[in-house]
Amino acid sequence: MQKIRNPWKDPKNIDDYNCFACSPYNESGLQLEFWEDGDEIISKWDPLKMYEGWIGVLHGGIQATLLDEIGGWVVMLKLGTTGVTSEMQVKYLKPVQISGGELTVRGKLESVDGRIATISASLFNASGVECASATLSYFVFPEKIAKARYHFPGKEAFYYTDKN
């Protein structure tokens, strides 16, 4: 498993980089980090009480955010560009207990048809039980547009080298 570098994590971006899911500068956000394991992109996250829905249960919207974010990182790392979610179907399978420990989110590219990428994602509790799953469709931008309009730094920026 290889740690993924967040190319926007730079003190000069503190005022600009505010992604709710992955910015380390968003105090209310999830501050996710990512790893690559073969075909999958993985994130691990410990839920806090502030993200509760029902008493002791992680809010379904936060679960959807975790699944959606892993999909976005799959697009960046596996397709070398960026895109936007065009459709997402979530299945909530089991309640996610806030006090249940670290969660694991896994995402995988299933197919690409023209500019639409299909991604599968799953959310697992600390015991390895799948609690939610999603099928996501992403509208994928050509790399040139992703770089020009959406600050995409290029796929190579996500991997650690001797220089970073």
N, C-alpha and C. Protein backbone atom coordinates (compact mmCIF):
# COMPACT_ATOMS: atom_id res chain seq x y z
N MET A 1 0.85 -1.18 0.00
CA MET A 1 0.00 0.00 0.00
C MET A 1 0.89 1.24 0.00
N GLN A 2 0.59 2.17 -0.87
CA GLN A 2 1.41 3.37 -1.04
C GLN A 2 0.64 4.62 -0.61
N LYS A 3 1.25 5.40 0.27
CA LYS A 3 0.66 6.67 0.73
C LYS A 3 0.60 7.62 -0.46
N ILE A 4 -0.54 8.32 -0.59
CA ILE A 4 -0.73 9.30 -1.65
C ILE A 4 -0.44 10.69 -1.09
N ARG A 5 0.28 11.45 -1.85
CA ARG A 5 0.61 12.83 -1.47
C ARG A 5 -0.56 13.73 -1.88
N ASN A 6 -0.96 14.61 -0.97
CA ASN A 6 -1.99 15.59 -1.30
C ASN A 6 -1.26 16.82 -1.85
N PRO A 7 -1.30 17.04 -3.16
CA PRO A 7 -0.51 18.11 -3.76
C PRO A 7 -0.98 19.52 -3.39
N TRP A 8 -2.17 19.67 -2.83
CA TRP A 8 -2.68 20.98 -2.43
C TRP A 8 -2.32 21.31 -0.98
N LYS A 9 -1.78 20.33 -0.28
CA LYS A 9 -1.39 20.54 1.13
C LYS A 9 -0.07 21.29 1.15
N ASP A 10 -0.19 22.58 1.23
CA ASP A 10 0.95 23.48 1.20
C ASP A 10 0.52 24.73 1.96
N PRO A 11 1.34 25.22 2.89
CA PRO A 11 0.94 26.40 3.67
C PRO A 11 0.49 27.59 2.83
N LYS A 12 0.99 27.71 1.61
CA LYS A 12 0.56 28.83 0.76
C LYS A 12 -0.90 28.69 0.33
N ASN A 13 -1.50 27.49 0.51
CA ASN A 13 -2.88 27.25 0.10
C ASN A 13 -3.88 27.33 1.26
N ILE A 14 -3.41 27.71 2.44
CA ILE A 14 -4.28 27.71 3.63
C ILE A 14 -5.56 28.50 3.40
N ASP A 15 -5.49 29.64 2.75
CA ASP A 15 -6.68 30.47 2.54
C ASP A 15 -7.53 30.04 1.35
N ASP A 16 -6.99 29.20 0.48
CA ASP A 16 -7.70 28.83 -0.75
C ASP A 16 -8.23 27.39 -0.77
N TYR A 17 -7.53 26.48 -0.13
CA TYR A 17 -7.86 25.05 -0.20
C TYR A 17 -8.74 24.69 0.99
N ASN A 18 -10.05 24.55 0.74
CA ASN A 18 -11.01 24.37 1.83
C ASN A 18 -11.93 23.17 1.61
N CYS A 19 -11.52 22.20 0.82
CA CYS A 19 -12.38 21.04 0.57
C CYS A 19 -12.85 20.44 1.89
N PHE A 20 -14.16 20.26 2.02
CA PHE A 20 -14.72 19.70 3.25
C PHE A 20 -14.16 18.32 3.54
N ALA A 21 -13.93 17.53 2.50
CA ALA A 21 -13.51 16.15 2.71
C ALA A 21 -12.00 15.98 2.88
N CYS A 22 -11.19 16.69 2.12
CA CYS A 22 -9.76 16.35 2.13
C CYS A 22 -8.80 17.47 2.52
N SER A 23 -9.28 18.68 2.73
CA SER A 23 -8.35 19.74 3.10
C SER A 23 -7.94 19.63 4.57
N PRO A 24 -6.64 19.62 4.84
CA PRO A 24 -6.18 19.61 6.22
C PRO A 24 -6.39 20.96 6.90
N TYR A 25 -6.79 21.98 6.12
CA TYR A 25 -6.96 23.35 6.64
C TYR A 25 -8.41 23.65 7.00
N ASN A 26 -9.34 22.75 6.68
CA ASN A 26 -10.75 22.97 7.01
C ASN A 26 -11.01 22.35 8.38
N GLU A 27 -11.11 23.20 9.40
CA GLU A 27 -11.26 22.71 10.78
C GLU A 27 -12.54 21.91 10.99
N SER A 28 -13.58 22.19 10.22
CA SER A 28 -14.84 21.45 10.34
C SER A 28 -14.88 20.23 9.44
N GLY A 29 -13.90 20.10 8.58
CA GLY A 29 -13.90 19.05 7.58
C GLY A 29 -13.40 17.70 8.07
N LEU A 30 -13.37 16.75 7.16
CA LEU A 30 -12.99 15.37 7.47
C LEU A 30 -11.47 15.15 7.45
N GLN A 31 -10.75 15.99 6.70
CA GLN A 31 -9.29 15.95 6.62
C GLN A 31 -8.76 14.56 6.22
N LEU A 32 -9.36 13.99 5.19
CA LEU A 32 -9.00 12.65 4.74
C LEU A 32 -7.62 12.59 4.12
N GLU A 33 -6.99 11.44 4.28
CA GLU A 33 -5.74 11.10 3.61
C GLU A 33 -5.99 9.83 2.83
N PHE A 34 -5.11 9.53 1.86
CA PHE A 34 -5.37 8.45 0.93
C PHE A 34 -4.16 7.56 0.70
N TRP A 35 -4.45 6.30 0.33
CA TRP A 35 -3.44 5.32 -0.02
C TRP A 35 -3.90 4.61 -1.29
N GLU A 36 -2.93 4.11 -2.04
CA GLU A 36 -3.23 3.32 -3.23
C GLU A 36 -2.80 1.89 -2.95
N ASP A 37 -3.71 0.96 -3.22
CA ASP A 37 -3.44 -0.46 -3.00
C ASP A 37 -3.90 -1.21 -4.25
N GLY A 38 -2.99 -1.39 -5.19
CA GLY A 38 -3.35 -2.04 -6.45
C GLY A 38 -4.38 -1.23 -7.20
N ASP A 39 -5.53 -1.83 -7.47
CA ASP A 39 -6.61 -1.16 -8.21
C ASP A 39 -7.43 -0.21 -7.35
N GLU A 40 -7.24 -0.27 -6.04
CA GLU A 40 -8.09 0.50 -5.14
C GLU A 40 -7.41 1.73 -4.56
N ILE A 41 -8.23 2.74 -4.27
CA ILE A 41 -7.82 3.90 -3.49
C ILE A 41 -8.52 3.73 -2.14
N ILE A 42 -7.78 3.99 -1.07
CA ILE A 42 -8.26 3.73 0.29
C ILE A 42 -8.08 4.97 1.14
N SER A 43 -9.03 5.18 2.03
CA SER A 43 -8.90 6.21 3.06
C SER A 43 -9.34 5.59 4.38
N LYS A 44 -8.71 6.01 5.45
CA LYS A 44 -9.08 5.58 6.80
C LYS A 44 -9.44 6.84 7.58
N TRP A 45 -10.50 6.73 8.38
CA TRP A 45 -11.00 7.92 9.08
C TRP A 45 -11.68 7.51 10.36
N ASP A 46 -11.41 8.26 11.40
CA ASP A 46 -12.01 8.02 12.71
C ASP A 46 -13.15 9.01 12.92
N PRO A 47 -14.41 8.55 12.97
CA PRO A 47 -15.52 9.49 13.08
C PRO A 47 -15.57 10.19 14.44
N LEU A 48 -15.99 11.44 14.41
CA LEU A 48 -16.14 12.25 15.62
C LEU A 48 -17.62 12.46 15.90
N LYS A 49 -17.96 12.71 17.15
CA LYS A 49 -19.34 12.90 17.57
C LYS A 49 -20.01 14.06 16.82
N MET A 50 -19.21 15.04 16.42
CA MET A 50 -19.78 16.20 15.71
C MET A 50 -20.41 15.82 14.36
N TYR A 51 -20.14 14.60 13.87
CA TYR A 51 -20.69 14.14 12.60
C TYR A 51 -21.84 13.14 12.79
N GLU A 52 -22.44 13.17 13.95
CA GLU A 52 -23.50 12.25 14.33
C GLU A 52 -24.83 12.63 13.67
N GLY A 53 -25.62 11.61 13.34
CA GLY A 53 -27.01 11.79 12.92
C GLY A 53 -27.86 11.38 14.11
N TRP A 54 -28.35 10.14 14.10
CA TRP A 54 -28.99 9.60 15.30
C TRP A 54 -27.94 9.47 16.39
N ILE A 55 -28.36 9.42 17.62
CA ILE A 55 -27.42 9.34 18.75
C ILE A 55 -26.49 8.14 18.54
N GLY A 56 -25.20 8.43 18.50
CA GLY A 56 -24.19 7.40 18.37
C GLY A 56 -23.96 6.87 16.97
N VAL A 57 -24.67 7.39 15.97
CA VAL A 57 -24.58 6.87 14.60
C VAL A 57 -24.08 7.97 13.65
N LEU A 58 -23.14 7.60 12.80
CA LEU A 58 -22.60 8.54 11.81
C LEU A 58 -23.70 8.96 10.83
N HIS A 59 -23.82 10.26 10.61
CA HIS A 59 -24.83 10.82 9.71
C HIS A 59 -24.67 10.23 8.30
N GLY A 60 -25.80 9.91 7.68
CA GLY A 60 -25.77 9.34 6.33
C GLY A 60 -25.15 10.26 5.30
N GLY A 61 -25.30 11.56 5.47
CA GLY A 61 -24.68 12.51 4.54
C GLY A 61 -23.16 12.48 4.62
N ILE A 62 -22.65 12.26 5.80
CA ILE A 62 -21.19 12.14 5.96
C ILE A 62 -20.72 10.84 5.33
N GLN A 63 -21.49 9.78 5.48
CA GLN A 63 -21.14 8.52 4.82
C GLN A 63 -21.10 8.71 3.30
N ALA A 64 -22.09 9.41 2.78
CA ALA A 64 -22.12 9.68 1.33
C ALA A 64 -20.93 10.53 0.91
N THR A 65 -20.55 11.49 1.75
CA THR A 65 -19.39 12.33 1.44
C THR A 65 -18.13 11.48 1.36
N LEU A 66 -17.95 10.56 2.29
CA LEU A 66 -16.78 9.68 2.28
C LEU A 66 -16.74 8.86 0.99
N LEU A 67 -17.87 8.33 0.58
CA LEU A 67 -17.94 7.52 -0.64
C LEU A 67 -17.70 8.37 -1.89
N ASP A 68 -18.26 9.57 -1.91
CA ASP A 68 -18.08 10.46 -3.05
C ASP A 68 -16.62 10.91 -3.17
N GLU A 69 -16.01 11.24 -2.05
CA GLU A 69 -14.63 11.73 -2.08
C GLU A 69 -13.67 10.65 -2.57
N ILE A 70 -13.87 9.43 -2.14
CA ILE A 70 -12.97 8.37 -2.61
C ILE A 70 -13.11 8.22 -4.12
N GLY A 71 -14.33 8.43 -4.63
CA GLY A 71 -14.54 8.38 -6.08
C GLY A 71 -13.75 9.44 -6.81
N GLY A 72 -13.73 10.64 -6.26
CA GLY A 72 -12.96 11.72 -6.88
C GLY A 72 -11.47 11.43 -6.93
N TRP A 73 -10.96 10.83 -5.85
CA TRP A 73 -9.53 10.49 -5.83
C TRP A 73 -9.23 9.31 -6.76
N VAL A 74 -10.18 8.41 -6.96
CA VAL A 74 -10.01 7.34 -7.95
C VAL A 74 -9.83 7.97 -9.33
N VAL A 75 -10.67 8.94 -9.67
CA VAL A 75 -10.57 9.60 -10.97
C VAL A 75 -9.20 10.25 -11.13
N MET A 76 -8.76 10.98 -10.11
CA MET A 76 -7.47 11.68 -10.23
C MET A 76 -6.31 10.70 -10.38
N LEU A 77 -6.32 9.64 -9.59
CA LEU A 77 -5.18 8.73 -9.57
C LEU A 77 -5.22 7.66 -10.65
N LYS A 78 -6.37 7.18 -11.00
CA LYS A 78 -6.46 6.09 -11.98
C LYS A 78 -6.66 6.58 -13.41
N LEU A 79 -7.23 7.80 -13.55
CA LEU A 79 -7.44 8.33 -14.90
C LEU A 79 -6.55 9.53 -15.21
N GLY A 80 -5.85 10.04 -14.21
CA GLY A 80 -4.92 11.14 -14.44
C GLY A 80 -5.59 12.44 -14.84
N THR A 81 -6.77 12.69 -14.28
CA THR A 81 -7.49 13.92 -14.55
C THR A 81 -8.45 14.16 -13.39
N THR A 82 -9.40 15.02 -13.59
CA THR A 82 -10.42 15.24 -12.58
C THR A 82 -11.79 15.24 -13.24
N GLY A 83 -12.81 15.28 -12.41
CA GLY A 83 -14.17 15.25 -12.93
C GLY A 83 -15.13 15.69 -11.85
N VAL A 84 -16.41 15.59 -12.17
CA VAL A 84 -17.45 15.93 -11.21
C VAL A 84 -18.44 14.77 -11.12
N THR A 85 -19.00 14.60 -9.95
CA THR A 85 -20.00 13.55 -9.75
C THR A 85 -21.24 13.90 -10.55
N SER A 86 -21.68 12.99 -11.40
CA SER A 86 -22.91 13.22 -12.14
C SER A 86 -24.06 12.38 -11.60
N GLU A 87 -23.73 11.29 -10.93
CA GLU A 87 -24.77 10.45 -10.33
C GLU A 87 -24.12 9.60 -9.25
N MET A 88 -24.89 9.37 -8.17
CA MET A 88 -24.38 8.55 -7.07
C MET A 88 -25.55 7.80 -6.45
N GLN A 89 -25.43 6.50 -6.39
CA GLN A 89 -26.45 5.67 -5.76
C GLN A 89 -25.82 5.03 -4.53
N VAL A 90 -26.35 5.38 -3.35
CA VAL A 90 -25.81 4.88 -2.08
C VAL A 90 -26.75 3.85 -1.50
N LYS A 91 -26.18 2.78 -0.98
CA LYS A 91 -26.94 1.79 -0.22
C LYS A 91 -26.39 1.80 1.20
N TYR A 92 -27.26 2.10 2.15
CA TYR A 92 -26.89 2.08 3.57
C TYR A 92 -27.22 0.69 4.10
N LEU A 93 -26.21 -0.07 4.43
CA LEU A 93 -26.38 -1.47 4.77
C LEU A 93 -26.47 -1.74 6.26
N LYS A 94 -25.69 -1.01 7.05
CA LYS A 94 -25.64 -1.17 8.51
C LYS A 94 -25.34 0.18 9.13
N PRO A 95 -25.84 0.44 10.34
CA PRO A 95 -25.49 1.69 11.02
C PRO A 95 -23.98 1.74 11.30
N VAL A 96 -23.42 2.93 11.17
CA VAL A 96 -22.01 3.14 11.49
C VAL A 96 -21.95 3.82 12.85
N GLN A 97 -21.44 3.11 13.83
CA GLN A 97 -21.35 3.64 15.18
C GLN A 97 -20.20 4.64 15.29
N ILE A 98 -20.48 5.81 15.85
CA ILE A 98 -19.45 6.83 16.04
C ILE A 98 -18.30 6.30 16.90
N SER A 99 -18.64 5.54 17.91
CA SER A 99 -17.62 5.04 18.85
C SER A 99 -17.02 3.71 18.40
N GLY A 100 -17.30 3.30 17.17
CA GLY A 100 -16.87 1.99 16.70
C GLY A 100 -15.44 1.90 16.21
N GLY A 101 -14.71 3.00 16.20
CA GLY A 101 -13.32 2.97 15.74
C GLY A 101 -13.16 3.42 14.30
N GLU A 102 -11.97 3.23 13.81
CA GLU A 102 -11.56 3.72 12.49
C GLU A 102 -12.34 3.04 11.36
N LEU A 103 -12.82 3.86 10.43
CA LEU A 103 -13.52 3.39 9.24
C LEU A 103 -12.55 3.29 8.08
N THR A 104 -12.86 2.43 7.14
CA THR A 104 -12.08 2.31 5.91
C THR A 104 -13.01 2.52 4.73
N VAL A 105 -12.58 3.37 3.81
CA VAL A 105 -13.34 3.63 2.58
C VAL A 105 -12.47 3.15 1.43
N ARG A 106 -13.07 2.39 0.53
CA ARG A 106 -12.35 1.84 -0.62
C ARG A 106 -13.10 2.21 -1.90
N GLY A 107 -12.34 2.59 -2.91
CA GLY A 107 -12.94 2.91 -4.20
C GLY A 107 -12.16 2.29 -5.33
N LYS A 108 -12.87 1.94 -6.40
CA LYS A 108 -12.23 1.27 -7.54
C LYS A 108 -12.91 1.70 -8.83
N LEU A 109 -12.11 1.94 -9.84
CA LEU A 109 -12.62 2.25 -11.18
C LEU A 109 -13.18 0.98 -11.79
N GLU A 110 -14.44 1.04 -12.18
CA GLU A 110 -15.09 -0.13 -12.80
C GLU A 110 -15.07 -0.06 -14.32
N SER A 111 -15.31 1.14 -14.87
CA SER A 111 -15.33 1.27 -16.33
C SER A 111 -15.27 2.74 -16.72
N VAL A 112 -14.93 2.94 -17.99
CA VAL A 112 -14.95 4.27 -18.59
C VAL A 112 -15.66 4.13 -19.93
N ASP A 113 -16.66 4.97 -20.14
CA ASP A 113 -17.39 5.00 -21.40
C ASP A 113 -17.42 6.45 -21.86
N GLY A 114 -16.55 6.76 -22.80
CA GLY A 114 -16.42 8.15 -23.24
C GLY A 114 -15.90 9.00 -22.10
N ARG A 115 -16.69 9.99 -21.69
CA ARG A 115 -16.26 10.88 -20.59
C ARG A 115 -16.94 10.54 -19.27
N ILE A 116 -17.58 9.36 -19.20
CA ILE A 116 -18.22 8.93 -17.96
C ILE A 116 -17.44 7.76 -17.36
N ALA A 117 -16.98 7.96 -16.13
CA ALA A 117 -16.30 6.91 -15.38
C ALA A 117 -17.26 6.36 -14.34
N THR A 118 -17.30 5.05 -14.22
CA THR A 118 -18.11 4.39 -13.20
C THR A 118 -17.19 3.85 -12.13
N ILE A 119 -17.50 4.18 -10.88
CA ILE A 119 -16.66 3.81 -9.74
C ILE A 119 -17.52 3.12 -8.70
N SER A 120 -16.97 2.07 -8.10
CA SER A 120 -17.63 1.44 -6.97
C SER A 120 -16.89 1.86 -5.71
N ALA A 121 -17.63 2.07 -4.63
CA ALA A 121 -17.03 2.49 -3.36
C ALA A 121 -17.74 1.79 -2.22
N SER A 122 -17.00 1.50 -1.16
CA SER A 122 -17.57 0.87 0.02
C SER A 122 -16.99 1.49 1.28
N LEU A 123 -17.80 1.50 2.32
CA LEU A 123 -17.43 2.01 3.64
C LEU A 123 -17.52 0.85 4.62
N PHE A 124 -16.42 0.58 5.33
CA PHE A 124 -16.33 -0.54 6.26
C PHE A 124 -16.10 -0.03 7.67
N ASN A 125 -16.71 -0.70 8.64
CA ASN A 125 -16.44 -0.34 10.03
C ASN A 125 -15.12 -0.96 10.48
N ALA A 126 -14.74 -0.72 11.72
CA ALA A 126 -13.44 -1.18 12.23
C ALA A 126 -13.33 -2.70 12.24
N SER A 127 -14.47 -3.39 12.26
CA SER A 127 -14.47 -4.86 12.24
C SER A 127 -14.43 -5.42 10.82
N GLY A 128 -14.41 -4.55 9.83
CA GLY A 128 -14.37 -4.99 8.44
C GLY A 128 -15.72 -5.28 7.83
N VAL A 129 -16.80 -4.90 8.51
CA VAL A 129 -18.16 -5.11 7.99
C VAL A 129 -18.52 -3.95 7.06
N GLU A 130 -18.99 -4.28 5.87
CA GLU A 130 -19.42 -3.24 4.93
C GLU A 130 -20.71 -2.61 5.44
N CYS A 131 -20.68 -1.29 5.64
CA CYS A 131 -21.83 -0.57 6.18
C CYS A 131 -22.56 0.26 5.14
N ALA A 132 -21.87 0.66 4.08
CA ALA A 132 -22.48 1.44 3.00
C ALA A 132 -21.71 1.17 1.72
N SER A 133 -22.41 1.26 0.62
CA SER A 133 -21.75 1.11 -0.68
C SER A 133 -22.35 2.11 -1.65
N ALA A 134 -21.61 2.40 -2.70
CA ALA A 134 -22.10 3.35 -3.69
C ALA A 134 -21.59 2.98 -5.08
N THR A 135 -22.40 3.30 -6.05
CA THR A 135 -21.99 3.29 -7.44
C THR A 135 -22.03 4.75 -7.87
N LEU A 136 -20.90 5.23 -8.37
CA LEU A 136 -20.78 6.64 -8.74
C LEU A 136 -20.47 6.77 -10.22
N SER A 137 -21.09 7.76 -10.84
CA SER A 137 -20.74 8.14 -12.21
C SER A 137 -20.09 9.51 -12.14
N TYR A 138 -18.93 9.61 -12.74
CA TYR A 138 -18.21 10.88 -12.79
C TYR A 138 -18.09 11.33 -14.23
N PHE A 139 -18.41 12.60 -14.47
CA PHE A 139 -18.13 13.22 -15.75
C PHE A 139 -16.68 13.64 -15.70
N VAL A 140 -15.85 13.09 -16.56
CA VAL A 140 -14.41 13.27 -16.52
C VAL A 140 -13.97 14.31 -17.54
N PHE A 141 -13.17 15.26 -17.08
CA PHE A 141 -12.64 16.31 -17.95
C PHE A 141 -11.38 15.84 -18.66
N PRO A 142 -11.14 16.31 -19.88
CA PRO A 142 -9.83 16.08 -20.48
C PRO A 142 -8.76 16.71 -19.57
N GLU A 143 -7.60 16.10 -19.51
CA GLU A 143 -6.55 16.57 -18.60
C GLU A 143 -6.22 18.05 -18.81
N LYS A 144 -6.18 18.49 -20.04
CA LYS A 144 -5.87 19.89 -20.34
C LYS A 144 -6.87 20.84 -19.65
N ILE A 145 -8.14 20.50 -19.69
CA ILE A 145 -9.17 21.32 -19.04
C ILE A 145 -9.06 21.21 -17.52
N ALA A 146 -8.80 20.00 -17.02
CA ALA A 146 -8.64 19.80 -15.58
C ALA A 146 -7.51 20.67 -15.03
N LYS A 147 -6.42 20.77 -15.78
CA LYS A 147 -5.28 21.59 -15.35
C LYS A 147 -5.61 23.09 -15.46
N ALA A 148 -6.23 23.50 -16.55
CA ALA A 148 -6.48 24.91 -16.80
C ALA A 148 -7.58 25.50 -15.91
N ARG A 149 -8.64 24.76 -15.70
CA ARG A 149 -9.80 25.30 -14.97
C ARG A 149 -9.94 24.84 -13.53
N TYR A 150 -9.39 23.65 -13.21
CA TYR A 150 -9.70 23.05 -11.92
C TYR A 150 -8.46 22.78 -11.06
N HIS A 151 -7.36 23.41 -11.39
CA HIS A 151 -6.13 23.33 -10.58
C HIS A 151 -5.59 21.91 -10.44
N PHE A 152 -5.86 21.05 -11.42
CA PHE A 152 -5.32 19.70 -11.37
C PHE A 152 -3.82 19.77 -11.65
N PRO A 153 -3.00 19.24 -10.73
CA PRO A 153 -1.55 19.39 -10.88
C PRO A 153 -0.87 18.35 -11.75
N GLY A 154 -1.62 17.39 -12.26
CA GLY A 154 -1.03 16.27 -13.00
C GLY A 154 -0.87 15.07 -12.08
N LYS A 155 -1.04 13.89 -12.62
CA LYS A 155 -1.02 12.66 -11.83
C LYS A 155 0.27 12.48 -11.04
N GLU A 156 1.38 12.87 -11.62
CA GLU A 156 2.68 12.68 -10.96
C GLU A 156 2.79 13.44 -9.64
N ALA A 157 2.01 14.49 -9.45
CA ALA A 157 2.07 15.29 -8.22
C ALA A 157 1.54 14.55 -6.99
N PHE A 158 0.85 13.42 -7.19
CA PHE A 158 0.26 12.67 -6.08
C PHE A 158 1.22 11.63 -5.50
N TYR A 159 2.36 11.46 -6.13
CA TYR A 159 3.28 10.41 -5.69
C TYR A 159 4.54 11.03 -5.10
N TYR A 160 4.96 10.48 -3.99
CA TYR A 160 6.17 10.97 -3.32
C TYR A 160 7.40 10.59 -4.13
N THR A 161 8.32 11.55 -4.21
CA THR A 161 9.61 11.31 -4.85
C THR A 161 10.68 11.77 -3.85
N ASP A 162 11.92 11.69 -4.22
CA ASP A 162 12.99 12.16 -3.35
C ASP A 162 12.89 13.65 -3.13
N LYS A 163 12.24 14.36 -4.05
CA LYS A 163 12.12 15.82 -3.95
C LYS A 163 10.98 16.26 -3.03
N ASN A 164 9.97 15.39 -2.80
CA ASN A 164 8.85 15.80 -1.95
C ASN A 164 8.61 14.75 -0.92
